[in-house]
Amino acid sequence: MGNFSLKNAITLEELEQHTKDILWINNRILTVEQVFSSYPTMYLDKKMMYHFLNGVKISVNGPDGIYHIKDEEANYIGIGIVQKQKLRRDVIIQGK
């Protein structure tokens, strides 16, 4: 899935050994956006974002699937799922 594979995984012991080495951590820990990089992006205006963040399903034109959700300024918000032209939130990384 995306850029994730077991060959890139680290153990908890490795992470504990490098807790103060921010560069090491940043080179190994993937963001949600990186893990799901193969999925398309959907941009929401302020009104749609308000509803999305509050758990309201939003009518959209697009195929069923998983989407990156970004606001109008292209800030990464999280993951949404479209089913039968209804977008629902799944994982919220940044709320407004």
N, C-alpha and C. Protein backbone atom coordinates (compact mmCIF):
# COMPACT_ATOMS: atom_id res chain seq x y z
N MET A 1 0.85 -1.17 0.00
CA MET A 1 0.00 0.00 0.00
C MET A 1 0.89 1.23 0.00
N GLY A 2 0.76 2.08 -0.99
CA GLY A 2 1.56 3.29 -1.05
C GLY A 2 3.04 2.97 -0.97
N ASN A 3 3.76 3.73 -0.15
CA ASN A 3 5.21 3.54 0.01
C ASN A 3 5.56 2.56 1.11
N PHE A 4 4.58 1.93 1.71
CA PHE A 4 4.83 1.09 2.87
C PHE A 4 5.10 -0.34 2.46
N SER A 5 6.15 -0.90 3.06
CA SER A 5 6.42 -2.33 2.91
C SER A 5 7.14 -2.79 4.17
N LEU A 6 7.08 -4.07 4.45
CA LEU A 6 7.71 -4.61 5.65
C LEU A 6 9.23 -4.43 5.64
N LYS A 7 9.83 -4.39 4.45
CA LYS A 7 11.28 -4.21 4.40
C LYS A 7 11.68 -2.82 4.91
N ASN A 8 10.75 -1.87 4.93
CA ASN A 8 11.03 -0.53 5.44
C ASN A 8 10.61 -0.36 6.89
N ALA A 9 10.06 -1.42 7.48
CA ALA A 9 9.57 -1.33 8.86
C ALA A 9 10.74 -1.24 9.84
N ILE A 10 10.47 -0.64 10.99
CA ILE A 10 11.46 -0.58 12.07
C ILE A 10 10.84 -1.23 13.31
N THR A 11 11.69 -1.69 14.18
CA THR A 11 11.19 -2.29 15.42
C THR A 11 11.04 -1.21 16.48
N LEU A 12 10.28 -1.52 17.51
CA LEU A 12 10.15 -0.58 18.63
C LEU A 12 11.51 -0.34 19.29
N GLU A 13 12.34 -1.38 19.33
CA GLU A 13 13.67 -1.23 19.92
C GLU A 13 14.51 -0.23 19.13
N GLU A 14 14.44 -0.30 17.80
CA GLU A 14 15.17 0.67 16.96
C GLU A 14 14.67 2.08 17.22
N LEU A 15 13.36 2.23 17.31
CA LEU A 15 12.79 3.54 17.56
C LEU A 15 13.23 4.07 18.92
N GLU A 16 13.22 3.21 19.93
CA GLU A 16 13.66 3.63 21.27
C GLU A 16 15.12 4.04 21.28
N GLN A 17 15.95 3.37 20.49
CA GLN A 17 17.38 3.70 20.43
C GLN A 17 17.63 5.06 19.78
N HIS A 18 16.71 5.51 18.96
CA HIS A 18 16.91 6.74 18.18
C HIS A 18 15.93 7.85 18.56
N THR A 19 15.37 7.80 19.76
CA THR A 19 14.33 8.77 20.12
C THR A 19 14.79 10.22 20.05
N LYS A 20 16.08 10.46 20.18
CA LYS A 20 16.59 11.84 20.15
C LYS A 20 17.17 12.22 18.79
N ASP A 21 17.16 11.30 17.87
CA ASP A 21 17.71 11.55 16.53
C ASP A 21 16.57 11.84 15.56
N ILE A 22 16.17 13.09 15.53
CA ILE A 22 15.02 13.51 14.72
C ILE A 22 15.24 13.21 13.24
N LEU A 23 16.43 13.41 12.73
CA LEU A 23 16.70 13.14 11.32
C LEU A 23 16.48 11.66 11.01
N TRP A 24 16.97 10.77 11.88
CA TRP A 24 16.78 9.33 11.69
C TRP A 24 15.29 9.00 11.67
N ILE A 25 14.56 9.55 12.61
CA ILE A 25 13.12 9.29 12.70
C ILE A 25 12.40 9.81 11.46
N ASN A 26 12.70 11.05 11.06
CA ASN A 26 12.04 11.64 9.89
C ASN A 26 12.31 10.87 8.61
N ASN A 27 13.44 10.18 8.54
CA ASN A 27 13.77 9.40 7.34
C ASN A 27 13.11 8.03 7.34
N ARG A 28 12.49 7.64 8.45
CA ARG A 28 11.91 6.30 8.52
C ARG A 28 10.41 6.26 8.80
N ILE A 29 9.90 7.26 9.45
CA ILE A 29 8.48 7.29 9.78
C ILE A 29 7.71 7.92 8.62
N LEU A 30 6.72 7.21 8.11
CA LEU A 30 5.91 7.72 7.01
C LEU A 30 4.68 8.43 7.56
N THR A 31 4.30 9.51 6.90
CA THR A 31 3.06 10.19 7.24
C THR A 31 1.89 9.42 6.63
N VAL A 32 0.70 9.70 7.09
CA VAL A 32 -0.49 9.08 6.50
C VAL A 32 -0.57 9.43 5.02
N GLU A 33 -0.24 10.66 4.69
CA GLU A 33 -0.28 11.10 3.30
C GLU A 33 0.69 10.28 2.44
N GLN A 34 1.87 9.96 2.98
CA GLN A 34 2.83 9.15 2.24
C GLN A 34 2.36 7.70 2.09
N VAL A 35 1.80 7.14 3.15
CA VAL A 35 1.34 5.75 3.10
C VAL A 35 0.25 5.58 2.05
N PHE A 36 -0.64 6.56 1.94
CA PHE A 36 -1.75 6.48 1.00
C PHE A 36 -1.49 7.30 -0.27
N SER A 37 -0.23 7.46 -0.66
CA SER A 37 0.13 8.34 -1.77
C SER A 37 -0.49 7.94 -3.11
N SER A 38 -0.89 6.71 -3.26
CA SER A 38 -1.45 6.28 -4.54
C SER A 38 -2.91 6.69 -4.72
N TYR A 39 -3.53 7.26 -3.71
CA TYR A 39 -4.94 7.64 -3.79
C TYR A 39 -5.09 9.09 -4.25
N PRO A 40 -6.20 9.39 -4.93
CA PRO A 40 -6.42 10.77 -5.41
C PRO A 40 -6.75 11.73 -4.28
N THR A 41 -6.66 13.01 -4.60
CA THR A 41 -6.92 14.07 -3.63
C THR A 41 -8.25 14.75 -3.95
N MET A 42 -8.99 15.09 -2.90
CA MET A 42 -10.23 15.84 -3.03
C MET A 42 -10.10 17.11 -2.18
N TYR A 43 -10.38 18.26 -2.79
CA TYR A 43 -10.31 19.54 -2.09
C TYR A 43 -11.72 19.96 -1.68
N LEU A 44 -11.86 20.38 -0.43
CA LEU A 44 -13.17 20.80 0.08
C LEU A 44 -13.16 22.28 0.41
N ASP A 45 -14.26 22.97 0.03
CA ASP A 45 -14.38 24.37 0.43
C ASP A 45 -14.74 24.45 1.91
N LYS A 46 -14.82 25.66 2.44
CA LYS A 46 -15.03 25.84 3.88
C LYS A 46 -16.31 25.18 4.38
N LYS A 47 -17.39 25.36 3.63
CA LYS A 47 -18.67 24.79 4.05
C LYS A 47 -18.62 23.26 4.05
N MET A 48 -18.08 22.69 2.97
CA MET A 48 -17.97 21.24 2.90
C MET A 48 -17.04 20.71 3.99
N MET A 49 -15.95 21.44 4.26
CA MET A 49 -14.99 21.02 5.27
C MET A 49 -15.64 21.00 6.65
N TYR A 50 -16.44 22.01 6.93
CA TYR A 50 -17.14 22.07 8.22
C TYR A 50 -17.99 20.81 8.42
N HIS A 51 -18.75 20.47 7.40
CA HIS A 51 -19.61 19.28 7.47
C HIS A 51 -18.77 18.01 7.57
N PHE A 52 -17.73 17.92 6.76
CA PHE A 52 -16.86 16.74 6.77
C PHE A 52 -16.26 16.52 8.15
N LEU A 53 -15.72 17.57 8.75
CA LEU A 53 -15.08 17.44 10.06
C LEU A 53 -16.07 17.10 11.17
N ASN A 54 -17.33 17.44 10.95
CA ASN A 54 -18.35 17.14 11.96
C ASN A 54 -19.11 15.85 11.67
N GLY A 55 -18.59 15.04 10.75
CA GLY A 55 -19.14 13.71 10.52
C GLY A 55 -20.34 13.64 9.59
N VAL A 56 -20.66 14.74 8.92
CA VAL A 56 -21.79 14.75 7.99
C VAL A 56 -21.33 14.18 6.65
N LYS A 57 -22.08 13.27 6.08
CA LYS A 57 -21.77 12.75 4.75
C LYS A 57 -22.07 13.83 3.72
N ILE A 58 -21.16 14.00 2.76
CA ILE A 58 -21.26 15.07 1.77
C ILE A 58 -21.49 14.45 0.39
N SER A 59 -22.42 15.02 -0.36
CA SER A 59 -22.64 14.58 -1.74
C SER A 59 -21.49 15.07 -2.62
N VAL A 60 -20.90 14.15 -3.38
CA VAL A 60 -19.79 14.48 -4.28
C VAL A 60 -19.98 13.77 -5.60
N ASN A 61 -19.33 14.31 -6.63
CA ASN A 61 -19.30 13.64 -7.93
C ASN A 61 -17.93 13.00 -8.06
N GLY A 62 -17.90 11.72 -8.03
CA GLY A 62 -16.63 11.01 -8.15
C GLY A 62 -16.83 9.55 -7.88
N PRO A 63 -15.87 8.76 -8.36
CA PRO A 63 -15.99 7.32 -8.16
C PRO A 63 -15.79 6.92 -6.70
N ASP A 64 -16.35 5.78 -6.34
CA ASP A 64 -16.13 5.24 -5.01
C ASP A 64 -14.65 5.01 -4.78
N GLY A 65 -14.21 5.21 -3.54
CA GLY A 65 -12.81 4.95 -3.21
C GLY A 65 -12.33 5.78 -2.05
N ILE A 66 -11.05 5.67 -1.79
CA ILE A 66 -10.37 6.39 -0.71
C ILE A 66 -9.73 7.65 -1.30
N TYR A 67 -9.83 8.76 -0.57
CA TYR A 67 -9.30 10.04 -1.05
C TYR A 67 -8.51 10.74 0.06
N HIS A 68 -7.46 11.45 -0.37
CA HIS A 68 -6.82 12.42 0.52
C HIS A 68 -7.77 13.61 0.58
N ILE A 69 -7.96 14.16 1.74
CA ILE A 69 -8.82 15.34 1.87
C ILE A 69 -7.93 16.54 2.22
N LYS A 70 -8.07 17.58 1.42
CA LYS A 70 -7.34 18.83 1.66
C LYS A 70 -8.32 19.98 1.65
N ASP A 71 -7.94 21.06 2.36
CA ASP A 71 -8.79 22.25 2.36
C ASP A 71 -8.45 23.12 1.16
N GLU A 72 -9.08 24.26 1.07
CA GLU A 72 -8.89 25.16 -0.08
C GLU A 72 -7.46 25.65 -0.23
N GLU A 73 -6.72 25.68 0.88
CA GLU A 73 -5.33 26.13 0.85
C GLU A 73 -4.36 24.96 0.67
N ALA A 74 -4.89 23.79 0.37
CA ALA A 74 -4.12 22.56 0.14
C ALA A 74 -3.47 22.02 1.42
N ASN A 75 -4.01 22.38 2.59
CA ASN A 75 -3.55 21.78 3.84
C ASN A 75 -4.12 20.38 3.95
N TYR A 76 -3.28 19.44 4.34
CA TYR A 76 -3.71 18.04 4.45
C TYR A 76 -4.57 17.87 5.69
N ILE A 77 -5.77 17.34 5.50
CA ILE A 77 -6.71 17.16 6.60
C ILE A 77 -6.80 15.69 7.01
N GLY A 78 -6.84 14.79 6.05
CA GLY A 78 -6.94 13.38 6.40
C GLY A 78 -7.42 12.54 5.23
N ILE A 79 -8.10 11.46 5.58
CA ILE A 79 -8.59 10.49 4.59
C ILE A 79 -10.11 10.46 4.63
N GLY A 80 -10.70 10.42 3.44
CA GLY A 80 -12.15 10.28 3.32
C GLY A 80 -12.47 9.12 2.40
N ILE A 81 -13.66 8.60 2.54
CA ILE A 81 -14.10 7.49 1.70
C ILE A 81 -15.39 7.87 0.99
N VAL A 82 -15.40 7.68 -0.33
CA VAL A 82 -16.61 7.92 -1.12
C VAL A 82 -17.27 6.58 -1.43
N GLN A 83 -18.56 6.51 -1.10
CA GLN A 83 -19.39 5.36 -1.43
C GLN A 83 -20.73 5.88 -1.93
N LYS A 84 -21.09 5.48 -3.13
CA LYS A 84 -22.36 5.90 -3.73
C LYS A 84 -22.51 7.41 -3.72
N GLN A 85 -21.46 8.10 -4.14
CA GLN A 85 -21.41 9.56 -4.26
C GLN A 85 -21.61 10.30 -2.94
N LYS A 86 -21.28 9.64 -1.84
CA LYS A 86 -21.31 10.27 -0.51
C LYS A 86 -19.92 10.14 0.12
N LEU A 87 -19.35 11.28 0.49
CA LEU A 87 -18.05 11.32 1.13
C LEU A 87 -18.23 11.31 2.64
N ARG A 88 -17.52 10.41 3.31
CA ARG A 88 -17.53 10.41 4.77
C ARG A 88 -16.09 10.45 5.26
N ARG A 89 -15.91 11.00 6.43
CA ARG A 89 -14.55 11.06 6.98
C ARG A 89 -14.13 9.69 7.48
N ASP A 90 -12.83 9.47 7.44
CA ASP A 90 -12.29 8.22 7.96
C ASP A 90 -11.21 8.53 8.99
N VAL A 91 -10.13 9.15 8.56
CA VAL A 91 -9.03 9.51 9.47
C VAL A 91 -8.79 11.01 9.36
N ILE A 92 -8.86 11.69 10.49
CA ILE A 92 -8.59 13.13 10.51
C ILE A 92 -7.23 13.35 11.13
N ILE A 93 -6.35 13.99 10.38
CA ILE A 93 -5.01 14.29 10.87
C ILE A 93 -4.95 15.70 11.41
N GLN A 94 -5.62 16.62 10.74
CA GLN A 94 -5.60 18.02 11.15
C GLN A 94 -7.02 18.57 11.05
N GLY A 95 -7.54 19.07 12.12
CA GLY A 95 -8.86 19.69 12.11
C GLY A 95 -8.74 21.19 12.21
N LYS A 96 -9.73 21.88 11.73
CA LYS A 96 -9.69 23.35 11.77
C LYS A 96 -10.57 23.84 12.89
